Amino acid sequence: MMLSFIRNQAREKQTDSCSCHLDVMPLCVLSEGAGPGTQVPAHLTRISIPLITSSTDCFNKTVKGKVIRKGPLVSLAADDFILKTVIQEEEVLQSIASINVVLFGALAKDFSQSVSQGDVVVASGFTVSKSPTVNKDKLHPCNLLLSGDDACLYDKTIPLPPLTDSSSSTAHFTPQHPSALCVMPDKSGAEL
């Protein structure tokens, strides 16, 4: 019942979703290493989780948090998936610093396969809805819904140790679906 409620909310809000960026893949994994880096687009600004309300203007906004809970990938139909996760803003010491994030479609599938509990992620292109589980889970009273072409998630993974003695070694990953996942080195070390 809750899945259909959230799914309907995402469909209703899809036309109002943020048009943050058009040429970014749904899930982009950033890793440390040499070379030009893929970064969160500079025109996006970060909003703190406790400041999010159901009336928040999410245009060109991002939310950053550590994945503290990762639910299972649920198949709703052929090539239609949903996944619920919880992220927590580390710099904030308030009780509502954790928020449910609901991912749909290919983004949910990519997240399930590529992101681990403990990873730090940045979400953009989301919509905000009231959480139907706020009284049960005692998290933020809103959910972030990531659905459609504008939804994007950036994952900053923990750097892997060098494979050789060379300090410029970079671990590379070739995705199963290149249009849905990219792994790029991030030389700048800039914080997400």
N, C-alpha and C. Protein backbone atom coordinates (compact mmCIF):
# COMPACT_ATOMS: atom_id res chain seq x y z
N MET A 1 0.82 -1.19 0.00
CA MET A 1 0.00 0.00 0.00
C MET A 1 0.87 1.26 0.00
N MET A 2 1.93 1.28 0.85
CA MET A 2 2.78 2.44 0.90
C MET A 2 3.50 2.65 -0.44
N LEU A 3 3.93 1.55 -1.10
CA LEU A 3 4.62 1.67 -2.38
C LEU A 3 3.72 2.34 -3.41
N SER A 4 2.44 1.95 -3.46
CA SER A 4 1.55 2.57 -4.44
C SER A 4 1.30 4.03 -4.10
N PHE A 5 1.24 4.37 -2.81
CA PHE A 5 1.05 5.76 -2.39
C PHE A 5 2.23 6.61 -2.86
N ILE A 6 3.45 6.13 -2.60
CA ILE A 6 4.64 6.87 -3.01
C ILE A 6 4.74 6.94 -4.52
N ARG A 7 4.45 5.83 -5.20
CA ARG A 7 4.50 5.79 -6.66
C ARG A 7 3.52 6.80 -7.26
N ASN A 8 2.30 6.88 -6.72
CA ASN A 8 1.33 7.85 -7.21
C ASN A 8 1.80 9.28 -6.96
N GLN A 9 2.41 9.53 -5.80
CA GLN A 9 2.93 10.86 -5.53
C GLN A 9 4.01 11.23 -6.54
N ALA A 10 4.87 10.29 -6.86
CA ALA A 10 5.93 10.55 -7.83
C ALA A 10 5.35 10.85 -9.20
N ARG A 11 4.32 10.11 -9.61
CA ARG A 11 3.69 10.36 -10.91
C ARG A 11 3.04 11.74 -10.94
N GLU A 12 2.36 12.11 -9.85
CA GLU A 12 1.70 13.42 -9.79
C GLU A 12 2.70 14.55 -9.85
N LYS A 13 3.85 14.37 -9.22
CA LYS A 13 4.83 15.44 -9.14
C LYS A 13 5.82 15.41 -10.28
N GLN A 14 5.80 14.38 -11.11
CA GLN A 14 6.78 14.25 -12.18
C GLN A 14 6.76 15.47 -13.10
N THR A 15 5.62 16.03 -13.36
CA THR A 15 5.55 17.19 -14.23
C THR A 15 6.12 18.43 -13.55
N ASP A 16 6.16 18.43 -12.21
CA ASP A 16 6.73 19.55 -11.47
C ASP A 16 8.17 19.30 -11.07
N SER A 17 8.77 18.22 -11.54
CA SER A 17 10.09 17.87 -11.06
C SER A 17 11.12 18.90 -11.48
N CYS A 18 12.21 18.90 -10.75
CA CYS A 18 13.27 19.89 -10.99
C CYS A 18 13.96 19.60 -12.31
N SER A 19 14.18 20.62 -13.09
CA SER A 19 14.92 20.48 -14.34
C SER A 19 16.32 20.99 -14.09
N CYS A 20 17.07 20.23 -13.30
CA CYS A 20 18.38 20.70 -12.85
C CYS A 20 19.45 20.61 -13.93
N HIS A 21 19.46 19.53 -14.66
CA HIS A 21 20.49 19.33 -15.66
C HIS A 21 20.01 18.24 -16.60
N LEU A 22 20.37 18.38 -17.86
CA LEU A 22 19.83 17.47 -18.85
C LEU A 22 20.84 16.45 -19.36
N ASP A 23 22.13 16.77 -19.29
CA ASP A 23 23.13 15.91 -19.89
C ASP A 23 23.89 15.08 -18.86
N VAL A 24 23.30 14.80 -17.72
CA VAL A 24 23.96 14.04 -16.67
C VAL A 24 23.30 12.69 -16.56
N MET A 25 24.10 11.65 -16.36
CA MET A 25 23.56 10.30 -16.23
C MET A 25 22.88 10.15 -14.88
N PRO A 26 21.92 9.22 -14.75
CA PRO A 26 21.17 9.10 -13.51
C PRO A 26 22.00 8.79 -12.28
N LEU A 27 23.04 7.96 -12.40
CA LEU A 27 23.90 7.64 -11.27
C LEU A 27 25.33 7.81 -11.70
N CYS A 28 26.03 8.70 -11.06
CA CYS A 28 27.41 8.95 -11.40
C CYS A 28 28.25 8.68 -10.17
N VAL A 29 29.21 7.78 -10.28
CA VAL A 29 30.06 7.42 -9.16
C VAL A 29 31.37 8.17 -9.32
N LEU A 30 31.72 8.96 -8.31
CA LEU A 30 32.95 9.74 -8.33
C LEU A 30 33.98 9.02 -7.48
N SER A 31 35.18 8.85 -8.00
CA SER A 31 36.22 8.21 -7.22
C SER A 31 37.49 9.04 -7.28
N GLU A 32 38.35 8.85 -6.29
CA GLU A 32 39.60 9.59 -6.23
C GLU A 32 40.55 9.06 -7.30
N GLY A 33 41.46 9.91 -7.76
CA GLY A 33 42.45 9.45 -8.71
C GLY A 33 42.93 10.59 -9.58
N ALA A 34 43.82 10.27 -10.50
CA ALA A 34 44.38 11.27 -11.39
C ALA A 34 43.47 11.49 -12.58
N GLY A 35 43.58 12.67 -13.18
CA GLY A 35 42.82 12.96 -14.38
C GLY A 35 41.69 13.92 -14.12
N PRO A 36 41.02 14.34 -15.20
CA PRO A 36 39.91 15.27 -15.02
C PRO A 36 38.78 14.60 -14.27
N GLY A 37 38.14 15.33 -13.40
CA GLY A 37 37.12 14.72 -12.55
C GLY A 37 35.71 15.06 -12.98
N THR A 38 34.80 14.17 -12.65
CA THR A 38 33.38 14.44 -12.79
C THR A 38 32.91 14.97 -11.46
N GLN A 39 32.24 16.09 -11.48
CA GLN A 39 31.80 16.72 -10.26
C GLN A 39 30.32 17.06 -10.37
N VAL A 40 29.72 17.33 -9.22
CA VAL A 40 28.35 17.81 -9.21
C VAL A 40 28.36 19.15 -9.94
N PRO A 41 27.45 19.38 -10.87
CA PRO A 41 27.43 20.64 -11.62
C PRO A 41 27.44 21.86 -10.69
N ALA A 42 28.23 22.86 -11.06
CA ALA A 42 28.44 24.03 -10.22
C ALA A 42 27.17 24.87 -10.01
N HIS A 43 26.20 24.80 -10.92
CA HIS A 43 25.00 25.62 -10.78
C HIS A 43 24.02 25.08 -9.74
N LEU A 44 24.29 23.88 -9.23
CA LEU A 44 23.42 23.29 -8.21
C LEU A 44 23.88 23.74 -6.83
N THR A 45 22.92 24.07 -5.96
CA THR A 45 23.25 24.48 -4.59
C THR A 45 22.69 23.48 -3.60
N ARG A 46 23.41 23.30 -2.53
CA ARG A 46 23.04 22.31 -1.52
C ARG A 46 22.07 22.89 -0.50
N ILE A 47 21.10 22.07 -0.12
CA ILE A 47 20.15 22.44 0.93
C ILE A 47 20.29 21.42 2.06
N SER A 48 20.24 21.91 3.28
CA SER A 48 20.36 21.05 4.45
C SER A 48 19.07 20.26 4.65
N ILE A 49 19.18 19.01 5.05
CA ILE A 49 18.01 18.14 5.23
C ILE A 49 16.98 18.74 6.18
N PRO A 50 17.37 19.29 7.35
CA PRO A 50 16.36 19.85 8.26
C PRO A 50 15.57 21.02 7.68
N LEU A 51 16.08 21.67 6.64
CA LEU A 51 15.40 22.82 6.03
C LEU A 51 14.36 22.41 4.97
N ILE A 52 14.30 21.14 4.64
CA ILE A 52 13.38 20.66 3.60
C ILE A 52 11.96 20.60 4.14
N THR A 53 11.03 21.15 3.35
CA THR A 53 9.59 21.07 3.66
C THR A 53 8.87 20.64 2.39
N SER A 54 7.60 20.36 2.52
CA SER A 54 6.84 19.95 1.33
C SER A 54 6.68 21.10 0.34
N SER A 55 6.97 22.33 0.76
CA SER A 55 6.89 23.47 -0.15
C SER A 55 8.27 23.96 -0.60
N THR A 56 9.30 23.19 -0.33
CA THR A 56 10.66 23.56 -0.73
C THR A 56 10.77 23.67 -2.25
N ASP A 57 11.38 24.76 -2.70
CA ASP A 57 11.69 24.92 -4.12
C ASP A 57 12.95 24.09 -4.38
N CYS A 58 12.81 22.99 -5.10
CA CYS A 58 13.95 22.09 -5.31
C CYS A 58 14.69 22.36 -6.62
N PHE A 59 14.31 23.41 -7.33
CA PHE A 59 14.98 23.73 -8.59
C PHE A 59 16.45 24.05 -8.32
N ASN A 60 17.32 23.34 -9.01
CA ASN A 60 18.77 23.50 -8.89
C ASN A 60 19.30 23.26 -7.48
N LYS A 61 18.66 22.37 -6.74
CA LYS A 61 19.09 22.05 -5.38
C LYS A 61 19.63 20.62 -5.31
N THR A 62 20.50 20.40 -4.34
CA THR A 62 21.00 19.07 -4.04
C THR A 62 20.86 18.81 -2.55
N VAL A 63 20.84 17.54 -2.19
CA VAL A 63 20.85 17.11 -0.80
C VAL A 63 21.96 16.08 -0.68
N LYS A 64 22.80 16.26 0.33
CA LYS A 64 23.93 15.36 0.54
C LYS A 64 23.75 14.59 1.84
N GLY A 65 24.06 13.30 1.80
CA GLY A 65 23.99 12.50 3.02
C GLY A 65 24.66 11.15 2.87
N LYS A 66 24.93 10.56 4.01
CA LYS A 66 25.52 9.23 4.08
C LYS A 66 24.39 8.20 4.09
N VAL A 67 24.53 7.16 3.28
CA VAL A 67 23.52 6.10 3.23
C VAL A 67 23.61 5.31 4.54
N ILE A 68 22.56 5.43 5.37
CA ILE A 68 22.56 4.71 6.64
C ILE A 68 21.65 3.49 6.62
N ARG A 69 20.75 3.43 5.64
CA ARG A 69 19.88 2.27 5.44
C ARG A 69 19.62 2.12 3.95
N LYS A 70 19.67 0.91 3.49
CA LYS A 70 19.42 0.63 2.06
C LYS A 70 18.44 -0.53 1.97
N GLY A 71 17.26 -0.23 1.48
CA GLY A 71 16.24 -1.26 1.34
C GLY A 71 16.48 -2.13 0.12
N PRO A 72 15.68 -3.17 -0.03
CA PRO A 72 15.81 -4.06 -1.18
C PRO A 72 15.24 -3.43 -2.45
N LEU A 73 15.75 -3.86 -3.58
CA LEU A 73 15.20 -3.46 -4.86
C LEU A 73 13.92 -4.25 -5.08
N VAL A 74 12.83 -3.55 -5.37
CA VAL A 74 11.55 -4.20 -5.60
C VAL A 74 11.17 -4.01 -7.06
N SER A 75 10.86 -5.13 -7.72
CA SER A 75 10.43 -5.07 -9.12
C SER A 75 8.92 -4.92 -9.15
N LEU A 76 8.45 -3.83 -9.75
CA LEU A 76 7.01 -3.58 -9.86
C LEU A 76 6.44 -4.18 -11.15
N ALA A 77 7.26 -4.20 -12.18
CA ALA A 77 6.91 -4.76 -13.49
C ALA A 77 8.22 -4.91 -14.26
N ALA A 78 8.15 -5.41 -15.47
CA ALA A 78 9.36 -5.55 -16.28
C ALA A 78 10.03 -4.18 -16.43
N ASP A 79 11.29 -4.09 -16.06
CA ASP A 79 12.08 -2.85 -16.14
C ASP A 79 11.49 -1.69 -15.36
N ASP A 80 10.75 -1.97 -14.30
CA ASP A 80 10.19 -0.92 -13.45
C ASP A 80 10.49 -1.31 -12.00
N PHE A 81 11.31 -0.48 -11.34
CA PHE A 81 11.79 -0.82 -10.02
C PHE A 81 11.55 0.33 -9.05
N ILE A 82 11.61 0.00 -7.75
CA ILE A 82 11.53 0.99 -6.69
C ILE A 82 12.48 0.54 -5.58
N LEU A 83 13.11 1.51 -4.94
CA LEU A 83 14.01 1.23 -3.83
C LEU A 83 13.91 2.38 -2.85
N LYS A 84 13.87 2.06 -1.57
CA LYS A 84 13.83 3.08 -0.53
C LYS A 84 15.13 3.00 0.27
N THR A 85 15.72 4.16 0.50
CA THR A 85 16.95 4.25 1.28
C THR A 85 16.82 5.41 2.25
N VAL A 86 17.69 5.47 3.22
CA VAL A 86 17.72 6.58 4.16
C VAL A 86 19.10 7.18 4.13
N ILE A 87 19.16 8.51 3.97
CA ILE A 87 20.43 9.21 4.04
C ILE A 87 20.42 10.14 5.24
N GLN A 88 21.61 10.37 5.80
CA GLN A 88 21.75 11.23 6.97
C GLN A 88 22.81 12.27 6.71
N GLU A 89 22.47 13.51 6.97
CA GLU A 89 23.42 14.60 6.83
C GLU A 89 24.36 14.54 8.02
N GLU A 90 25.65 14.41 7.75
CA GLU A 90 26.61 14.20 8.82
C GLU A 90 26.95 15.46 9.61
N GLU A 91 26.87 16.62 8.98
CA GLU A 91 27.26 17.85 9.64
C GLU A 91 26.19 18.39 10.58
N VAL A 92 25.01 17.81 10.56
CA VAL A 92 23.89 18.31 11.34
C VAL A 92 23.62 17.36 12.50
N LEU A 93 23.45 17.91 13.69
CA LEU A 93 23.22 17.08 14.87
C LEU A 93 21.78 17.16 15.35
N GLN A 94 20.84 17.27 14.43
CA GLN A 94 19.42 17.33 14.77
C GLN A 94 18.78 15.97 14.51
N SER A 95 17.68 15.72 15.17
CA SER A 95 17.01 14.42 15.02
C SER A 95 16.43 14.24 13.62
N ILE A 96 16.12 15.33 12.92
CA ILE A 96 15.55 15.18 11.57
C ILE A 96 16.61 15.33 10.48
N ALA A 97 17.84 14.96 10.81
CA ALA A 97 18.93 15.02 9.84
C ALA A 97 18.94 13.80 8.92
N SER A 98 18.00 12.87 9.13
CA SER A 98 17.87 11.68 8.29
C SER A 98 16.55 11.76 7.53
N ILE A 99 16.60 11.37 6.24
CA ILE A 99 15.41 11.47 5.39
C ILE A 99 15.30 10.24 4.50
N ASN A 100 14.06 9.81 4.27
CA ASN A 100 13.80 8.71 3.33
C ASN A 100 13.98 9.24 1.90
N VAL A 101 14.63 8.44 1.08
CA VAL A 101 14.79 8.75 -0.34
C VAL A 101 14.21 7.56 -1.11
N VAL A 102 13.26 7.83 -2.00
CA VAL A 102 12.62 6.78 -2.78
C VAL A 102 13.06 6.95 -4.24
N LEU A 103 13.66 5.90 -4.79
CA LEU A 103 14.16 5.92 -6.15
C LEU A 103 13.31 5.02 -7.03
N PHE A 104 13.11 5.44 -8.26
CA PHE A 104 12.27 4.70 -9.20
C PHE A 104 13.04 4.37 -10.47
N GLY A 105 12.61 3.30 -11.15
CA GLY A 105 13.11 2.95 -12.47
C GLY A 105 14.57 2.52 -12.50
N ALA A 106 15.26 2.90 -13.57
CA ALA A 106 16.66 2.52 -13.77
C ALA A 106 17.54 3.06 -12.66
N LEU A 107 17.21 4.23 -12.13
CA LEU A 107 18.00 4.81 -11.04
C LEU A 107 17.96 3.90 -9.81
N ALA A 108 16.80 3.34 -9.50
CA ALA A 108 16.68 2.41 -8.36
C ALA A 108 17.54 1.17 -8.59
N LYS A 109 17.50 0.64 -9.81
CA LYS A 109 18.28 -0.56 -10.12
C LYS A 109 19.78 -0.26 -10.05
N ASP A 110 20.20 0.85 -10.62
CA ASP A 110 21.62 1.23 -10.58
C ASP A 110 22.09 1.45 -9.15
N PHE A 111 21.26 2.12 -8.35
CA PHE A 111 21.60 2.38 -6.95
C PHE A 111 21.78 1.06 -6.21
N SER A 112 20.87 0.12 -6.43
CA SER A 112 20.93 -1.17 -5.77
C SER A 112 22.23 -1.90 -6.07
N GLN A 113 22.70 -1.80 -7.31
CA GLN A 113 23.90 -2.52 -7.74
C GLN A 113 25.19 -1.79 -7.42
N SER A 114 25.15 -0.46 -7.26
CA SER A 114 26.39 0.30 -7.19
C SER A 114 26.66 1.01 -5.87
N VAL A 115 25.65 1.31 -5.11
CA VAL A 115 25.83 2.10 -3.90
C VAL A 115 25.74 1.18 -2.68
N SER A 116 26.63 1.42 -1.73
CA SER A 116 26.66 0.61 -0.51
C SER A 116 26.29 1.46 0.69
N GLN A 117 25.84 0.79 1.74
CA GLN A 117 25.60 1.49 2.99
C GLN A 117 26.92 2.11 3.43
N GLY A 118 26.89 3.36 3.84
CA GLY A 118 28.10 4.07 4.23
C GLY A 118 28.61 5.02 3.16
N ASP A 119 28.18 4.83 1.90
CA ASP A 119 28.57 5.76 0.84
C ASP A 119 27.94 7.12 1.08
N VAL A 120 28.61 8.16 0.64
CA VAL A 120 28.06 9.50 0.69
C VAL A 120 27.50 9.81 -0.70
N VAL A 121 26.24 10.23 -0.74
CA VAL A 121 25.58 10.50 -2.01
C VAL A 121 25.04 11.93 -2.03
N VAL A 122 24.89 12.44 -3.24
CA VAL A 122 24.28 13.75 -3.47
C VAL A 122 23.13 13.52 -4.45
N ALA A 123 21.93 13.92 -4.05
CA ALA A 123 20.74 13.76 -4.89
C ALA A 123 20.37 15.09 -5.51
N SER A 124 19.95 15.06 -6.77
CA SER A 124 19.44 16.26 -7.44
C SER A 124 18.29 15.83 -8.35
N GLY A 125 17.50 16.80 -8.78
CA GLY A 125 16.37 16.50 -9.64
C GLY A 125 15.25 15.78 -8.90
N PHE A 126 15.15 16.00 -7.61
CA PHE A 126 14.15 15.33 -6.79
C PHE A 126 12.91 16.18 -6.60
N THR A 127 11.86 15.54 -6.15
CA THR A 127 10.67 16.23 -5.68
C THR A 127 10.52 15.88 -4.20
N VAL A 128 9.74 16.68 -3.50
CA VAL A 128 9.54 16.49 -2.06
C VAL A 128 8.08 16.18 -1.82
N SER A 129 7.83 15.17 -1.00
CA SER A 129 6.45 14.84 -0.61
C SER A 129 6.43 14.54 0.88
N LYS A 130 5.24 14.59 1.45
CA LYS A 130 5.10 14.24 2.86
C LYS A 130 5.34 12.75 3.04
N SER A 131 6.02 12.40 4.12
CA SER A 131 6.32 11.00 4.40
C SER A 131 5.13 10.33 5.07
N PRO A 132 4.62 9.24 4.49
CA PRO A 132 3.52 8.52 5.13
C PRO A 132 3.98 7.69 6.33
N THR A 133 5.31 7.59 6.52
CA THR A 133 5.84 6.75 7.60
C THR A 133 6.50 7.55 8.72
N VAL A 134 6.31 8.87 8.74
CA VAL A 134 7.01 9.72 9.71
C VAL A 134 6.74 9.30 11.16
N ASN A 135 5.52 8.90 11.49
CA ASN A 135 5.21 8.50 12.86
C ASN A 135 5.83 7.15 13.22
N LYS A 136 6.03 6.32 12.23
CA LYS A 136 6.62 5.00 12.48
C LYS A 136 8.14 5.04 12.55
N ASP A 137 8.77 5.71 11.57
CA ASP A 137 10.23 5.67 11.52
C ASP A 137 10.92 6.83 12.24
N LYS A 138 10.16 7.84 12.62
CA LYS A 138 10.68 9.00 13.37
C LYS A 138 11.79 9.74 12.61
N LEU A 139 11.72 9.69 11.28
CA LEU A 139 12.67 10.42 10.45
C LEU A 139 12.05 11.74 10.02
N HIS A 140 12.66 12.39 9.09
CA HIS A 140 12.17 13.67 8.55
C HIS A 140 10.72 13.51 8.10
N PRO A 141 9.89 14.54 8.26
CA PRO A 141 8.48 14.42 7.85
C PRO A 141 8.25 14.42 6.33
N CYS A 142 9.32 14.55 5.56
CA CYS A 142 9.20 14.52 4.09
C CYS A 142 10.04 13.39 3.51
N ASN A 143 9.73 13.02 2.29
CA ASN A 143 10.51 12.08 1.49
C ASN A 143 11.09 12.83 0.30
N LEU A 144 12.23 12.37 -0.18
CA LEU A 144 12.75 12.83 -1.47
C LEU A 144 12.40 11.76 -2.48
N LEU A 145 11.77 12.15 -3.58
CA LEU A 145 11.40 11.22 -4.64
C LEU A 145 12.28 11.48 -5.85
N LEU A 146 12.97 10.46 -6.32
CA LEU A 146 13.82 10.58 -7.49
C LEU A 146 13.25 9.72 -8.60
N SER A 147 12.69 10.38 -9.60
CA SER A 147 11.99 9.71 -10.68
C SER A 147 12.10 10.56 -11.93
N GLY A 148 12.19 9.92 -13.07
CA GLY A 148 12.18 10.65 -14.33
C GLY A 148 13.56 11.05 -14.80
N ASP A 149 13.58 11.78 -15.91
CA ASP A 149 14.83 12.14 -16.57
C ASP A 149 15.69 13.12 -15.77
N ASP A 150 15.09 13.93 -14.93
CA ASP A 150 15.87 14.93 -14.20
C ASP A 150 16.51 14.39 -12.94
N ALA A 151 16.06 13.25 -12.45
CA ALA A 151 16.60 12.67 -11.22
C ALA A 151 18.02 12.19 -11.43
N CYS A 152 18.89 12.53 -10.50
CA CYS A 152 20.29 12.14 -10.61
C CYS A 152 20.85 11.92 -9.21
N LEU A 153 21.76 10.98 -9.11
CA LEU A 153 22.39 10.68 -7.83
C LEU A 153 23.89 10.55 -8.07
N TYR A 154 24.66 11.25 -7.27
CA TYR A 154 26.11 11.18 -7.33
C TYR A 154 26.58 10.39 -6.12
N ASP A 155 27.52 9.47 -6.32
CA ASP A 155 28.03 8.63 -5.25
C ASP A 155 29.53 8.83 -5.14
N LYS A 156 29.97 9.30 -3.99
CA LYS A 156 31.41 9.44 -3.76
C LYS A 156 31.86 8.20 -3.01
N THR A 157 32.55 7.32 -3.70
CA THR A 157 32.98 6.06 -3.10
C THR A 157 34.26 6.25 -2.31
N ILE A 158 34.53 5.31 -1.45
CA ILE A 158 35.79 5.30 -0.70
C ILE A 158 36.88 4.93 -1.68
N PRO A 159 37.99 5.72 -1.73
CA PRO A 159 39.06 5.43 -2.69
C PRO A 159 39.64 4.03 -2.47
N LEU A 160 39.93 3.36 -3.58
CA LEU A 160 40.55 2.05 -3.51
C LEU A 160 42.06 2.21 -3.40
N PRO A 161 42.76 1.28 -2.73
CA PRO A 161 44.22 1.37 -2.68
C PRO A 161 44.78 1.16 -4.08
N PRO A 162 45.96 1.74 -4.36
CA PRO A 162 46.58 1.57 -5.68
C PRO A 162 46.80 0.09 -6.00
N LEU A 163 46.65 -0.26 -7.29
CA LEU A 163 46.85 -1.62 -7.73
C LEU A 163 48.32 -1.93 -7.98
N THR A 164 49.15 -0.88 -8.18
CA THR A 164 50.58 -1.04 -8.41
C THR A 164 51.32 -0.09 -7.50
N ASP A 165 52.63 -0.04 -7.65
CA ASP A 165 53.44 0.87 -6.85
C ASP A 165 53.30 2.31 -7.31
N SER A 166 52.77 2.52 -8.49
CA SER A 166 52.61 3.87 -9.03
C SER A 166 51.54 4.63 -8.24
N SER A 167 51.85 5.85 -7.84
CA SER A 167 50.88 6.64 -7.08
C SER A 167 49.77 7.19 -7.96
N SER A 168 49.90 7.05 -9.27
CA SER A 168 48.87 7.58 -10.16
C SER A 168 47.89 6.51 -10.62
N SER A 169 47.93 5.34 -10.01
CA SER A 169 47.00 4.27 -10.40
C SER A 169 45.58 4.65 -10.04
N THR A 170 44.67 4.33 -10.92
CA THR A 170 43.25 4.59 -10.69
C THR A 170 42.47 3.33 -11.01
N ALA A 171 41.58 2.96 -10.12
CA ALA A 171 40.73 1.80 -10.39
C ALA A 171 39.61 2.23 -11.32
N HIS A 172 39.34 1.44 -12.35
CA HIS A 172 38.28 1.75 -13.30
C HIS A 172 37.26 0.63 -13.30
N PHE A 173 36.03 0.99 -13.59
CA PHE A 173 34.93 0.05 -13.64
C PHE A 173 34.19 0.27 -14.93
N THR A 174 33.90 -0.79 -15.64
CA THR A 174 33.11 -0.68 -16.86
C THR A 174 31.69 -1.13 -16.54
N PRO A 175 30.72 -0.22 -16.64
CA PRO A 175 29.36 -0.57 -16.26
C PRO A 175 28.68 -1.48 -17.27
N GLN A 176 27.69 -2.24 -16.77
CA GLN A 176 26.90 -3.09 -17.65
C GLN A 176 26.06 -2.25 -18.61
N HIS A 177 25.55 -1.12 -18.12
CA HIS A 177 24.72 -0.22 -18.91
C HIS A 177 25.38 1.15 -18.91
N PRO A 178 26.28 1.44 -19.89
CA PRO A 178 27.03 2.68 -19.88
C PRO A 178 26.18 3.94 -19.80
N SER A 179 24.95 3.91 -20.28
CA SER A 179 24.14 5.12 -20.23
C SER A 179 23.57 5.37 -18.84
N ALA A 180 23.66 4.39 -17.94
CA ALA A 180 23.06 4.54 -16.62
C ALA A 180 24.08 4.73 -15.51
N LEU A 181 25.36 4.50 -15.75
CA LEU A 181 26.33 4.56 -14.68
C LEU A 181 27.68 4.97 -15.25
N CYS A 182 28.34 5.88 -14.58
CA CYS A 182 29.69 6.22 -15.00
C CYS A 182 30.58 6.28 -13.78
N VAL A 183 31.82 5.90 -13.94
CA VAL A 183 32.80 6.02 -12.87
C VAL A 183 33.92 6.87 -13.42
N MET A 184 34.12 8.00 -12.80
CA MET A 184 35.13 8.93 -13.27
C MET A 184 36.07 9.28 -12.14
N PRO A 185 37.36 9.47 -12.42
CA PRO A 185 38.29 9.88 -11.38
C PRO A 185 38.02 11.34 -10.99
N ASP A 186 38.29 11.67 -9.74
CA ASP A 186 38.12 13.03 -9.25
C ASP A 186 39.42 13.49 -8.66
N LYS A 187 40.23 14.17 -9.46
CA LYS A 187 41.55 14.61 -9.03
C LYS A 187 41.48 15.73 -8.01
N SER A 188 40.51 16.59 -8.14
CA SER A 188 40.46 17.78 -7.30
C SER A 188 40.27 17.47 -5.84
N GLY A 189 39.66 16.35 -5.54
CA GLY A 189 39.38 16.01 -4.15
C GLY A 189 38.33 16.91 -3.54
N ALA A 190 37.65 17.69 -4.41
CA ALA A 190 36.62 18.60 -3.93
C ALA A 190 35.50 17.82 -3.27
N GLU A 191 35.01 18.36 -2.19
CA GLU A 191 33.94 17.71 -1.46
C GLU A 191 32.66 17.79 -2.25
N LEU A 192 31.90 16.70 -2.23
CA LEU A 192 30.59 16.68 -2.90
C LEU A 192 29.65 17.67 -2.28
